[in-house]
Amino acid sequence: MTTPAAPTPRLTAADLTSVDVEALVCFIDRKVDSVLAANSSPSDEWRVGLGMRTALNYQAKRVREVFGQDEQSFETVQGRFRQWNRLAALALGWAQDPDYDERWRVVHYPNAEGAAIWAALRGPDTSSG
């Protein structure tokens, strides 16, 4: 008789690194580049691409700042959680893209402790799948 495999731990913001940040920024930037290149200025599509580029640059700066901090204070952990999710949300439309990495998804917990607290509050997971 085989023992069922333990569920894979959920990815948290604490599991992510500056390498993940740069990879996701680069991925989105390439997508924006292709939109801008495929559409002429000042079409609506080009304007949307330009708006996305502005949003990406703004969010990339903020997420890089918080991931560049070495400390593990509550504020830093929470900042990484919030800023990562804001960046990851920009890529939600490409989640089915073959070049999209599963690590780039929105995370539900800032760290393992947060995930454990939430699990304890919810009780046993009785969902099937």
Protein backbone atom coordinates (compact mmCIF):
# COMPACT_ATOMS: atom_id res chain seq x y z
CA MET A 1 0.00 0.00 0.00
CA THR A 2 1.39 3.37 -0.94
CA THR A 3 1.27 6.39 1.29
CA PRO A 4 -0.21 9.48 -0.31
CA ALA A 5 2.38 12.14 -1.04
CA ALA A 6 2.41 15.13 1.25
CA PRO A 7 0.94 18.21 -0.38
CA THR A 8 3.46 20.56 -1.92
CA PRO A 9 3.95 23.57 0.34
CA ARG A 10 2.46 26.72 -1.04
CA LEU A 11 4.79 29.37 -2.34
CA THR A 12 5.01 32.40 -0.05
CA ALA A 13 6.54 35.85 -0.54
CA ALA A 14 9.42 34.75 1.70
CA ASP A 15 10.30 32.02 -0.84
CA LEU A 16 10.83 34.60 -3.58
CA THR A 17 14.10 36.37 -4.33
CA SER A 18 15.41 39.30 -6.32
CA VAL A 19 16.11 36.80 -9.11
CA ASP A 20 12.37 36.06 -9.29
CA VAL A 21 11.64 39.78 -9.37
CA GLU A 22 14.05 40.41 -12.25
CA ALA A 23 12.80 37.41 -14.21
CA LEU A 24 9.18 38.52 -13.92
CA VAL A 25 9.99 42.15 -14.78
CA CYS A 26 11.93 40.95 -17.85
CA PHE A 27 9.07 38.66 -18.92
CA ILE A 28 6.48 41.44 -18.72
CA ASP A 29 8.83 43.92 -20.36
CA ARG A 30 9.29 41.60 -23.36
CA LYS A 31 5.51 41.30 -23.70
CA VAL A 32 5.11 45.08 -23.57
CA ASP A 33 7.90 45.52 -26.13
CA SER A 34 6.07 43.23 -28.55
CA VAL A 35 2.80 45.17 -28.13
CA LEU A 36 4.53 48.50 -28.70
CA ALA A 37 6.43 47.19 -31.73
CA ALA A 38 3.31 45.70 -33.30
CA ASN A 39 1.24 48.86 -32.99
CA SER A 40 1.86 52.31 -34.31
CA SER A 41 1.83 55.45 -32.23
CA PRO A 42 -0.74 56.83 -31.29
CA SER A 43 -3.13 53.86 -31.66
CA ASP A 44 -5.14 52.77 -28.65
CA GLU A 45 -3.18 49.51 -28.50
CA TRP A 46 0.10 51.44 -28.44
CA ARG A 47 -1.26 53.69 -25.66
CA VAL A 48 -2.28 50.63 -23.64
CA GLY A 49 1.23 49.23 -24.08
CA LEU A 50 2.72 52.54 -22.99
CA GLY A 51 0.46 52.57 -19.93
CA MET A 52 1.53 49.04 -19.07
CA ARG A 53 5.18 50.03 -19.46
CA THR A 54 4.64 52.96 -17.07
CA ALA A 55 2.87 50.72 -14.53
CA LEU A 56 5.61 48.09 -14.87
CA ASN A 57 8.43 50.59 -14.35
CA TYR A 58 6.71 52.07 -11.30
CA GLN A 59 6.01 48.69 -9.72
CA ALA A 60 9.42 47.26 -10.64
CA LYS A 61 11.09 50.10 -8.75
CA ARG A 62 8.97 49.51 -5.65
CA VAL A 63 9.38 45.72 -5.60
CA ARG A 64 13.13 45.98 -6.21
CA GLU A 65 13.46 48.35 -3.25
CA VAL A 66 11.75 46.03 -0.79
CA PHE A 67 13.45 42.88 -2.11
CA GLY A 68 16.78 44.67 -1.88
CA GLN A 69 16.47 44.93 1.90
CA ASP A 70 18.33 42.22 3.84
CA GLU A 71 16.35 42.50 7.04
CA GLN A 72 13.51 40.13 7.85
CA SER A 73 11.39 42.48 9.96
CA PHE A 74 7.63 42.18 9.95
CA GLU A 75 7.38 45.35 7.86
CA THR A 76 9.85 44.07 5.26
CA VAL A 77 8.13 40.69 4.97
CA GLN A 78 4.74 42.36 4.59
CA GLY A 79 6.20 44.82 2.08
CA ARG A 80 7.57 42.01 -0.05
CA PHE A 81 4.21 40.26 0.09
CA ARG A 82 2.29 43.36 -1.03
CA GLN A 83 4.77 44.57 -3.65
CA TRP A 84 5.28 41.11 -5.16
CA ASN A 85 1.54 40.62 -5.55
CA ARG A 86 1.18 43.99 -7.24
CA LEU A 87 3.89 43.04 -9.73
CA ALA A 88 2.55 39.51 -10.24
CA ALA A 89 -0.92 40.91 -10.93
CA LEU A 90 0.48 42.69 -13.99
CA ALA A 91 1.31 39.27 -15.49
CA LEU A 92 -1.97 37.47 -14.71
CA GLY A 93 -3.10 37.62 -18.33
CA TRP A 94 -0.07 35.60 -19.42
CA ALA A 95 -0.41 32.79 -16.86
CA GLN A 96 -1.09 30.28 -19.68
CA ASP A 97 1.86 31.51 -21.77
CA PRO A 98 4.48 28.78 -22.28
CA ASP A 99 7.21 31.13 -21.01
CA TYR A 100 5.31 31.99 -17.81
CA ASP A 101 6.92 30.53 -14.67
CA GLU A 102 4.65 29.16 -11.92
CA ARG A 103 6.73 31.05 -9.34
CA TRP A 104 5.37 34.31 -10.75
CA ARG A 105 1.84 33.83 -9.50
CA VAL A 106 0.19 35.94 -6.82
CA VAL A 107 1.09 34.47 -3.42
CA HIS A 108 -1.44 34.06 -0.62
CA TYR A 109 0.87 34.27 2.38
CA PRO A 110 3.81 36.46 3.34
CA ASN A 111 5.74 33.54 4.85
CA ALA A 112 5.39 29.97 6.18
CA GLU A 113 4.29 31.27 9.57
CA GLY A 114 1.45 33.21 7.95
CA ALA A 115 0.42 30.13 5.98
CA ALA A 116 0.45 28.01 9.14
CA ILE A 117 -1.65 30.52 11.08
CA TRP A 118 -4.17 30.70 8.26
CA ALA A 119 -4.31 26.89 8.03
CA ALA A 120 -4.89 26.64 11.80
CA LEU A 121 -7.70 29.18 11.61
CA ARG A 122 -9.34 27.38 8.70
CA GLY A 123 -9.08 23.92 10.23
CA PRO A 124 -8.41 20.73 8.30
CA ASP A 125 -8.57 20.95 4.53
CA THR A 126 -11.33 18.60 3.44
CA SER A 127 -11.41 19.65 -0.19
CA SER A 128 -10.73 16.97 -2.75
CA GLY A 129 -8.39 18.50 -5.25
